[in-house]
Every structure is written in C-alpha cells, then in structure tokens.
N, C-alpha and C. Protein backbone atom coordinates (compact mmCIF):
# COMPACT_ATOMS: atom_id res chain seq x y z
N MET A 1 0.85 -1.17 0.00
CA MET A 1 0.00 0.00 0.00
C MET A 1 0.90 1.23 0.00
N PHE A 2 0.59 2.23 -0.84
CA PHE A 2 1.48 3.35 -1.04
C PHE A 2 1.38 4.43 0.02
N TRP A 3 0.52 4.31 0.99
CA TRP A 3 0.43 5.33 2.05
C TRP A 3 0.75 4.76 3.42
N LYS A 4 1.43 3.64 3.49
CA LYS A 4 1.73 2.98 4.77
C LYS A 4 2.37 3.92 5.77
N LYS A 5 3.35 4.71 5.32
CA LYS A 5 4.06 5.56 6.27
C LYS A 5 3.17 6.65 6.88
N HIS A 6 2.11 7.07 6.17
CA HIS A 6 1.21 8.10 6.70
C HIS A 6 0.01 7.50 7.42
N LEU A 7 -0.30 6.27 7.14
CA LEU A 7 -1.51 5.64 7.63
C LEU A 7 -1.56 5.56 9.15
N SER A 8 -0.44 5.26 9.78
CA SER A 8 -0.44 5.05 11.23
C SER A 8 -0.88 6.30 11.99
N GLU A 9 -0.65 7.48 11.44
CA GLU A 9 -1.07 8.69 12.15
C GLU A 9 -2.57 8.91 12.06
N TYR A 10 -3.27 8.24 11.13
CA TYR A 10 -4.70 8.40 10.97
C TYR A 10 -5.53 7.33 11.68
N ILE A 11 -4.97 6.17 11.88
CA ILE A 11 -5.76 5.05 12.37
C ILE A 11 -5.95 5.10 13.88
N ASP A 12 -7.23 5.04 14.29
CA ASP A 12 -7.58 4.85 15.69
C ASP A 12 -7.84 3.35 15.80
N SER A 13 -6.94 2.64 16.46
CA SER A 13 -6.99 1.18 16.45
C SER A 13 -8.28 0.61 17.07
N THR A 14 -9.06 1.43 17.75
CA THR A 14 -10.30 0.96 18.34
C THR A 14 -11.34 0.64 17.28
N TYR A 15 -11.39 1.43 16.23
CA TYR A 15 -12.41 1.27 15.19
C TYR A 15 -11.76 1.20 13.81
N VAL A 16 -11.57 0.02 13.29
CA VAL A 16 -11.06 -0.16 11.94
C VAL A 16 -11.98 -1.13 11.21
N GLY A 17 -12.49 -0.69 10.05
CA GLY A 17 -13.37 -1.54 9.26
C GLY A 17 -12.76 -1.79 7.90
N LEU A 18 -13.12 -2.92 7.31
CA LEU A 18 -12.58 -3.30 6.01
C LEU A 18 -13.69 -3.91 5.17
N LEU A 19 -13.83 -3.42 3.96
CA LEU A 19 -14.70 -4.04 2.97
C LEU A 19 -13.74 -4.67 1.97
N GLY A 20 -13.56 -5.97 2.05
CA GLY A 20 -12.52 -6.67 1.31
C GLY A 20 -12.73 -6.73 -0.19
N ALA A 21 -11.63 -7.03 -0.88
CA ALA A 21 -11.65 -7.20 -2.34
C ALA A 21 -12.65 -8.30 -2.70
N GLY A 22 -13.38 -8.09 -3.77
CA GLY A 22 -14.38 -9.06 -4.20
C GLY A 22 -15.73 -8.88 -3.54
N THR A 23 -15.81 -7.98 -2.56
CA THR A 23 -17.07 -7.72 -1.86
C THR A 23 -17.80 -6.56 -2.52
N ARG A 24 -19.12 -6.71 -2.69
CA ARG A 24 -19.96 -5.65 -3.23
C ARG A 24 -20.99 -5.28 -2.18
N PHE A 25 -21.18 -3.96 -1.97
CA PHE A 25 -22.14 -3.48 -0.98
C PHE A 25 -23.03 -2.45 -1.64
N GLN A 26 -24.36 -2.64 -1.51
CA GLN A 26 -25.34 -1.70 -2.03
C GLN A 26 -26.07 -1.10 -0.84
N GLY A 27 -25.97 0.23 -0.68
CA GLY A 27 -26.64 0.90 0.44
C GLY A 27 -25.74 1.94 1.05
N ASN A 28 -26.21 2.56 2.13
CA ASN A 28 -25.47 3.62 2.78
C ASN A 28 -24.68 3.07 3.97
N ILE A 29 -23.47 3.62 4.16
CA ILE A 29 -22.60 3.19 5.25
C ILE A 29 -22.35 4.36 6.18
N ARG A 30 -22.53 4.13 7.48
CA ARG A 30 -22.12 5.09 8.52
C ARG A 30 -21.00 4.42 9.29
N PHE A 31 -19.91 5.15 9.52
CA PHE A 31 -18.79 4.54 10.23
C PHE A 31 -18.13 5.54 11.16
N GLN A 32 -17.28 5.01 12.02
CA GLN A 32 -16.42 5.84 12.86
C GLN A 32 -15.04 5.19 12.87
N GLY A 33 -14.02 5.99 13.16
CA GLY A 33 -12.66 5.47 13.12
C GLY A 33 -12.16 5.45 11.69
N THR A 34 -11.66 4.32 11.26
CA THR A 34 -11.09 4.17 9.91
C THR A 34 -11.84 3.08 9.15
N LEU A 35 -12.18 3.37 7.90
CA LEU A 35 -12.83 2.39 7.04
C LEU A 35 -12.02 2.29 5.76
N ARG A 36 -11.61 1.07 5.42
CA ARG A 36 -10.85 0.83 4.20
C ARG A 36 -11.72 0.05 3.22
N ILE A 37 -11.81 0.56 2.00
CA ILE A 37 -12.61 -0.06 0.95
C ILE A 37 -11.67 -0.69 -0.08
N ASP A 38 -11.70 -2.02 -0.19
CA ASP A 38 -10.98 -2.73 -1.24
C ASP A 38 -11.96 -3.31 -2.26
N GLY A 39 -13.24 -3.31 -1.93
CA GLY A 39 -14.29 -3.84 -2.79
C GLY A 39 -15.05 -2.72 -3.48
N VAL A 40 -16.36 -2.94 -3.68
CA VAL A 40 -17.20 -1.99 -4.40
C VAL A 40 -18.37 -1.57 -3.52
N VAL A 41 -18.60 -0.25 -3.43
CA VAL A 41 -19.72 0.30 -2.66
C VAL A 41 -20.55 1.17 -3.59
N ASN A 42 -21.86 0.92 -3.61
CA ASN A 42 -22.82 1.78 -4.31
C ASN A 42 -23.72 2.39 -3.25
N GLY A 43 -23.43 3.64 -2.87
CA GLY A 43 -24.20 4.33 -1.83
C GLY A 43 -23.31 5.34 -1.13
N THR A 44 -23.92 6.12 -0.26
CA THR A 44 -23.17 7.14 0.46
C THR A 44 -22.38 6.52 1.61
N ILE A 45 -21.25 7.16 1.92
CA ILE A 45 -20.42 6.75 3.06
C ILE A 45 -20.27 7.98 3.95
N THR A 46 -20.69 7.85 5.20
CA THR A 46 -20.75 9.00 6.09
C THR A 46 -20.14 8.71 7.46
N ALA A 47 -19.37 9.67 7.96
CA ALA A 47 -18.87 9.66 9.33
C ALA A 47 -19.20 11.01 9.95
N LYS A 48 -19.31 11.03 11.26
CA LYS A 48 -19.62 12.28 11.96
C LYS A 48 -18.47 13.26 11.77
N PRO A 49 -18.74 14.46 11.23
CA PRO A 49 -17.68 15.45 11.04
C PRO A 49 -17.03 15.82 12.38
N GLY A 50 -15.71 15.92 12.36
CA GLY A 50 -14.97 16.28 13.57
C GLY A 50 -14.64 15.09 14.45
N SER A 51 -14.99 13.88 14.03
CA SER A 51 -14.75 12.69 14.85
C SER A 51 -13.38 12.07 14.62
N GLY A 52 -12.63 12.58 13.63
CA GLY A 52 -11.33 12.00 13.31
C GLY A 52 -11.42 10.84 12.34
N ALA A 53 -12.57 10.64 11.72
CA ALA A 53 -12.78 9.51 10.81
C ALA A 53 -11.92 9.61 9.56
N VAL A 54 -11.47 8.44 9.09
CA VAL A 54 -10.66 8.35 7.88
C VAL A 54 -11.27 7.30 6.96
N LEU A 55 -11.52 7.69 5.71
CA LEU A 55 -11.98 6.75 4.70
C LEU A 55 -10.83 6.52 3.73
N ILE A 56 -10.49 5.25 3.51
CA ILE A 56 -9.44 4.88 2.57
C ILE A 56 -10.07 4.06 1.46
N ILE A 57 -9.98 4.56 0.24
CA ILE A 57 -10.42 3.78 -0.92
C ILE A 57 -9.14 3.27 -1.56
N ASN A 58 -8.86 2.01 -1.30
CA ASN A 58 -7.60 1.40 -1.71
C ASN A 58 -7.58 1.15 -3.22
N ARG A 59 -6.40 0.95 -3.76
CA ARG A 59 -6.26 0.59 -5.17
C ARG A 59 -7.09 -0.67 -5.42
N GLY A 60 -7.97 -0.62 -6.40
CA GLY A 60 -8.88 -1.73 -6.67
C GLY A 60 -10.25 -1.49 -6.04
N GLY A 61 -10.34 -0.59 -5.08
CA GLY A 61 -11.62 -0.25 -4.46
C GLY A 61 -12.39 0.75 -5.30
N GLU A 62 -13.72 0.66 -5.24
CA GLU A 62 -14.57 1.57 -6.01
C GLU A 62 -15.75 2.02 -5.16
N VAL A 63 -16.05 3.31 -5.23
CA VAL A 63 -17.22 3.87 -4.53
C VAL A 63 -18.00 4.71 -5.53
N ASP A 64 -19.30 4.46 -5.59
CA ASP A 64 -20.20 5.26 -6.41
C ASP A 64 -21.22 5.88 -5.45
N GLY A 65 -20.92 7.08 -4.98
CA GLY A 65 -21.77 7.76 -4.02
C GLY A 65 -21.00 8.87 -3.33
N ASN A 66 -21.71 9.74 -2.64
CA ASN A 66 -21.08 10.86 -1.93
C ASN A 66 -20.43 10.39 -0.64
N VAL A 67 -19.42 11.15 -0.20
CA VAL A 67 -18.64 10.80 0.99
C VAL A 67 -18.55 11.99 1.94
N VAL A 68 -18.77 11.74 3.24
CA VAL A 68 -18.53 12.72 4.29
C VAL A 68 -17.64 12.05 5.32
N SER A 69 -16.43 12.61 5.52
CA SER A 69 -15.46 12.06 6.47
C SER A 69 -14.45 13.15 6.79
N ASP A 70 -13.75 13.03 7.90
CA ASP A 70 -12.73 14.02 8.21
C ASP A 70 -11.59 13.98 7.20
N SER A 71 -11.12 12.78 6.88
CA SER A 71 -10.05 12.60 5.90
C SER A 71 -10.47 11.53 4.90
N VAL A 72 -10.12 11.76 3.64
CA VAL A 72 -10.41 10.79 2.58
C VAL A 72 -9.13 10.57 1.78
N MET A 73 -8.74 9.30 1.66
CA MET A 73 -7.53 8.93 0.93
C MET A 73 -7.96 8.04 -0.23
N ILE A 74 -7.64 8.46 -1.46
CA ILE A 74 -8.13 7.76 -2.64
C ILE A 74 -6.97 7.16 -3.43
N GLY A 75 -6.96 5.83 -3.49
CA GLY A 75 -6.02 5.10 -4.32
C GLY A 75 -6.77 4.31 -5.37
N GLY A 76 -8.09 4.24 -5.24
CA GLY A 76 -8.96 3.53 -6.19
C GLY A 76 -9.82 4.53 -6.93
N ARG A 77 -11.12 4.22 -7.08
CA ARG A 77 -12.02 5.08 -7.83
C ARG A 77 -13.16 5.57 -6.95
N LEU A 78 -13.50 6.85 -7.12
CA LEU A 78 -14.64 7.44 -6.43
C LEU A 78 -15.41 8.28 -7.44
N LYS A 79 -16.70 7.97 -7.57
CA LYS A 79 -17.59 8.78 -8.40
C LYS A 79 -18.63 9.36 -7.45
N GLY A 80 -18.39 10.60 -7.03
CA GLY A 80 -19.27 11.26 -6.07
C GLY A 80 -18.56 12.45 -5.46
N ASN A 81 -19.29 13.24 -4.71
CA ASN A 81 -18.74 14.43 -4.08
C ASN A 81 -18.18 14.09 -2.71
N ILE A 82 -17.19 14.88 -2.28
CA ILE A 82 -16.54 14.68 -0.98
C ILE A 82 -16.67 15.93 -0.14
N GLN A 83 -17.06 15.74 1.13
CA GLN A 83 -16.95 16.78 2.15
C GLN A 83 -16.02 16.23 3.22
N ALA A 84 -14.84 16.85 3.33
CA ALA A 84 -13.84 16.38 4.29
C ALA A 84 -13.41 17.54 5.17
N VAL A 85 -13.61 17.39 6.47
CA VAL A 85 -13.27 18.45 7.42
C VAL A 85 -11.77 18.73 7.40
N ASP A 86 -10.95 17.70 7.31
CA ASP A 86 -9.50 17.89 7.40
C ASP A 86 -8.82 17.90 6.04
N ARG A 87 -8.84 16.76 5.32
CA ARG A 87 -8.04 16.67 4.11
C ARG A 87 -8.56 15.63 3.13
N VAL A 88 -8.16 15.80 1.87
CA VAL A 88 -8.39 14.82 0.82
C VAL A 88 -7.05 14.57 0.15
N GLU A 89 -6.71 13.29 -0.04
CA GLU A 89 -5.48 12.91 -0.72
C GLU A 89 -5.83 11.97 -1.86
N ILE A 90 -5.37 12.31 -3.06
CA ILE A 90 -5.61 11.46 -4.23
C ILE A 90 -4.23 10.97 -4.69
N TYR A 91 -4.04 9.66 -4.63
CA TYR A 91 -2.74 9.09 -4.96
C TYR A 91 -2.65 8.76 -6.44
N ARG A 92 -1.47 8.38 -6.91
CA ARG A 92 -1.20 8.24 -8.34
C ARG A 92 -2.12 7.27 -9.07
N HIS A 93 -2.66 6.29 -8.40
CA HIS A 93 -3.60 5.37 -9.04
C HIS A 93 -5.05 5.78 -8.77
N GLY A 94 -5.24 6.86 -8.02
CA GLY A 94 -6.58 7.32 -7.66
C GLY A 94 -7.29 7.99 -8.82
N ASP A 95 -8.62 7.89 -8.80
CA ASP A 95 -9.46 8.46 -9.84
C ASP A 95 -10.71 9.02 -9.17
N LEU A 96 -10.89 10.33 -9.24
CA LEU A 96 -12.05 10.98 -8.62
C LEU A 96 -12.83 11.75 -9.67
N LEU A 97 -14.12 11.46 -9.76
CA LEU A 97 -15.05 12.22 -10.58
C LEU A 97 -16.07 12.81 -9.61
N GLY A 98 -15.89 14.07 -9.25
CA GLY A 98 -16.79 14.72 -8.30
C GLY A 98 -16.14 15.96 -7.72
N ASP A 99 -16.91 16.67 -6.94
CA ASP A 99 -16.44 17.91 -6.33
C ASP A 99 -15.95 17.65 -4.91
N ILE A 100 -15.04 18.53 -4.46
CA ILE A 100 -14.42 18.39 -3.14
C ILE A 100 -14.63 19.68 -2.35
N ILE A 101 -15.01 19.52 -1.08
CA ILE A 101 -14.98 20.62 -0.11
C ILE A 101 -14.10 20.14 1.03
N THR A 102 -12.99 20.86 1.29
CA THR A 102 -12.04 20.43 2.31
C THR A 102 -11.15 21.59 2.74
N ASP A 103 -10.36 21.35 3.79
CA ASP A 103 -9.37 22.33 4.24
C ASP A 103 -8.05 22.15 3.51
N LYS A 104 -7.65 20.90 3.26
CA LYS A 104 -6.35 20.60 2.65
C LYS A 104 -6.54 19.58 1.54
N ILE A 105 -5.72 19.72 0.50
CA ILE A 105 -5.79 18.81 -0.64
C ILE A 105 -4.39 18.41 -1.07
N MET A 106 -4.24 17.15 -1.46
CA MET A 106 -2.99 16.66 -2.02
C MET A 106 -3.36 15.78 -3.20
N ILE A 107 -2.84 16.10 -4.38
CA ILE A 107 -3.08 15.30 -5.56
C ILE A 107 -1.72 14.88 -6.11
N GLN A 108 -1.46 13.61 -6.08
CA GLN A 108 -0.17 13.08 -6.52
C GLN A 108 -0.11 13.04 -8.04
N GLU A 109 1.10 13.20 -8.58
CA GLU A 109 1.29 13.11 -10.02
C GLU A 109 0.78 11.76 -10.52
N GLY A 110 0.02 11.78 -11.59
CA GLY A 110 -0.54 10.56 -12.16
C GLY A 110 -1.99 10.31 -11.75
N ALA A 111 -2.44 10.99 -10.71
CA ALA A 111 -3.83 10.84 -10.26
C ALA A 111 -4.77 11.49 -11.28
N ARG A 112 -6.02 11.00 -11.29
CA ARG A 112 -7.03 11.59 -12.16
C ARG A 112 -8.09 12.27 -11.29
N PHE A 113 -8.42 13.52 -11.65
CA PHE A 113 -9.43 14.28 -10.93
C PHE A 113 -10.21 15.12 -11.92
N ARG A 114 -11.54 14.96 -11.88
CA ARG A 114 -12.42 15.76 -12.71
C ARG A 114 -13.52 16.31 -11.80
N GLY A 115 -13.47 17.61 -11.56
CA GLY A 115 -14.44 18.24 -10.68
C GLY A 115 -13.94 19.58 -10.22
N GLN A 116 -14.52 20.08 -9.15
CA GLN A 116 -14.13 21.37 -8.59
C GLN A 116 -13.70 21.19 -7.14
N ILE A 117 -12.81 22.08 -6.70
CA ILE A 117 -12.36 22.05 -5.31
C ILE A 117 -12.74 23.36 -4.65
N SER A 118 -13.36 23.28 -3.48
CA SER A 118 -13.66 24.46 -2.66
C SER A 118 -12.89 24.30 -1.37
N MET A 119 -11.99 25.24 -1.11
CA MET A 119 -11.22 25.22 0.13
C MET A 119 -12.02 25.94 1.20
N ARG A 120 -12.14 25.30 2.36
CA ARG A 120 -12.97 25.84 3.44
C ARG A 120 -12.34 27.02 4.15
N HIS A 121 -11.00 27.07 4.24
CA HIS A 121 -10.32 28.15 4.95
C HIS A 121 -9.32 28.81 4.03
N LYS A 122 -9.20 30.14 4.17
CA LYS A 122 -8.20 30.85 3.39
C LYS A 122 -6.84 30.66 4.05
N PRO A 123 -5.76 30.57 3.25
CA PRO A 123 -4.43 30.44 3.85
C PRO A 123 -4.08 31.71 4.62
N GLU A 124 -3.38 31.54 5.73
CA GLU A 124 -2.97 32.69 6.52
C GLU A 124 -1.69 33.25 5.92
N ALA A 125 -1.74 34.53 5.53
CA ALA A 125 -0.57 35.17 4.94
C ALA A 125 0.25 35.82 6.03
N LYS A 126 1.57 35.71 5.91
CA LYS A 126 2.48 36.38 6.85
C LYS A 126 2.56 37.84 6.45
N ALA A 127 2.75 38.71 7.45
CA ALA A 127 2.86 40.14 7.18
C ALA A 127 4.00 40.38 6.20
N GLY A 128 3.73 41.23 5.22
CA GLY A 128 4.76 41.57 4.24
C GLY A 128 4.81 40.61 3.06
N SER A 129 3.96 39.60 3.04
CA SER A 129 3.98 38.66 1.92
C SER A 129 3.18 39.26 0.77
N PRO A 130 3.39 38.75 -0.45
CA PRO A 130 2.63 39.27 -1.59
C PRO A 130 1.12 39.12 -1.43
N LEU A 131 0.68 38.20 -0.57
CA LEU A 131 -0.76 38.02 -0.37
C LEU A 131 -1.39 39.18 0.41
N ASP A 132 -0.55 40.00 1.08
CA ASP A 132 -1.07 41.14 1.83
C ASP A 132 -1.41 42.32 0.91
N LYS A 133 -0.81 42.36 -0.26
CA LYS A 133 -0.99 43.48 -1.16
C LYS A 133 -2.31 43.32 -1.91
N PRO A 134 -3.02 44.46 -2.12
CA PRO A 134 -4.28 44.36 -2.86
C PRO A 134 -4.02 43.93 -4.30
N MET A 135 -4.95 43.19 -4.83
CA MET A 135 -4.82 42.76 -6.21
C MET A 135 -5.14 43.92 -7.14
N VAL A 136 -4.45 43.98 -8.25
CA VAL A 136 -4.69 45.02 -9.24
C VAL A 136 -5.78 44.53 -10.18
N LYS A 137 -6.74 45.39 -10.38
CA LYS A 137 -7.83 45.01 -11.28
C LYS A 137 -7.52 45.60 -12.65
N ALA A 138 -7.47 44.76 -13.63
CA ALA A 138 -7.19 45.20 -14.99
C ALA A 138 -8.43 44.99 -15.84
N GLU A 139 -8.70 45.97 -16.66
CA GLU A 139 -9.84 45.86 -17.56
C GLU A 139 -9.36 46.13 -18.97
N ALA A 140 -9.84 45.37 -19.89
CA ALA A 140 -9.53 45.59 -21.29
C ALA A 140 -10.59 46.50 -21.87
N LYS A 141 -10.14 47.58 -22.53
CA LYS A 141 -11.08 48.52 -23.15
C LYS A 141 -10.84 48.48 -24.65
N PRO A 142 -11.91 48.38 -25.40
CA PRO A 142 -11.72 48.35 -26.85
C PRO A 142 -11.20 49.70 -27.34
N GLU A 143 -10.37 49.66 -28.36
CA GLU A 143 -9.84 50.88 -28.93
C GLU A 143 -10.95 51.56 -29.73
N VAL A 144 -11.16 52.85 -29.47
CA VAL A 144 -12.19 53.60 -30.16
C VAL A 144 -11.52 54.53 -31.14
N LYS A 145 -11.86 54.39 -32.42
CA LYS A 145 -11.30 55.24 -33.45
C LYS A 145 -12.27 56.37 -33.70
N PRO A 146 -11.73 57.59 -33.80
CA PRO A 146 -12.64 58.71 -34.09
C PRO A 146 -13.24 58.55 -35.48
N GLU A 147 -14.50 58.90 -35.57
CA GLU A 147 -15.17 58.80 -36.86
C GLU A 147 -14.67 59.90 -37.77
N ALA A 148 -14.69 59.60 -39.03
CA ALA A 148 -14.24 60.59 -40.00
C ALA A 148 -15.19 61.80 -39.96
N GLN A 149 -14.64 62.99 -39.72
CA GLN A 149 -15.42 64.22 -39.67
C GLN A 149 -15.25 64.98 -40.99
N PRO A 150 -16.36 65.47 -41.54
CA PRO A 150 -16.21 66.28 -42.76
C PRO A 150 -15.48 67.58 -42.43
N HIS A 151 -14.60 68.01 -43.31
CA HIS A 151 -13.85 69.26 -43.10
C HIS A 151 -14.71 70.43 -43.52
N PRO A 152 -14.78 71.44 -42.68
CA PRO A 152 -15.55 72.62 -43.11
C PRO A 152 -14.87 73.30 -44.29
N ALA A 153 -15.65 73.75 -45.21
CA ALA A 153 -15.09 74.38 -46.41
C ALA A 153 -14.93 75.84 -46.28
C-alpha cells in the first residue's frame, strides 16, 4: 500500500473496518474510526464530522456515491462528491469524478481528478507577503477610433 508511512497517524486502532476485495455493498454506510474499501460500494459513506474519521479507498476499491469524512484517501475510484473536514489525498492510481470541499488537498502526479475544489479556509498570509498586497484590477477597453469628420469648407 502506497500510504503505509502516513496511515499510522490516521488510524484509531479501536475502530477499523474493512470491505474486502471481491465484496460488493449496495446501500449507505455510517462509520467511525477508519474504514478501508478494497471492494465496491454503491451508496453514500458518512462519518460524523470532527470525529477524526478516515476513509481509505484502496487501489482496486470503487465507490459510487457521496462521501462525508474528516479525511479521505483515494487510491482507487470514487464517483461522487466529498466533504472532508481535514483533508483529501488522491494518490497516483486514484481516480475521482466529483467535487471536493475540504481544508487541505494533495493530488499526486498521475492521479485523475475531474471536478471542482472548494477550500474551506483561506491560507494565513504572513505580514509583508505578496498576499497582503491588494490585487490590481485590470480591464480591457476596446480601442475607439474617431469617426471621419467632414472638413468645413
């Protein structure tokens, strides 16, 4: 698994669920802790926001439905929208078709993503950084040529 080194910081060993390869599930899932999908899910997957929940869609795993979780890690396929309180990570074999609302995003080279991203919080700019300066508004104005005026005789 390509996220092994990061996984240990997300897993609450009290609650770990697995939908194994070759398993198909039709319906809605509510979970807490960490849920790893290696099979196929058709339905929404939801965890209580702010609970520290982590959804992992492993390489070979597929989800067709919306997702609500604190963190979402995609190595397989997801067709649906994501609301993640903390972060969304799409790895090189990951494929997401849907919109994302989150605080942090990581998309690895080679990943596929088709949708829109809405960041929940603006980055904090340090004093004196270019982000502190007002943006310049530029407008394009068409060139106006004076009309030919008859010369008085």
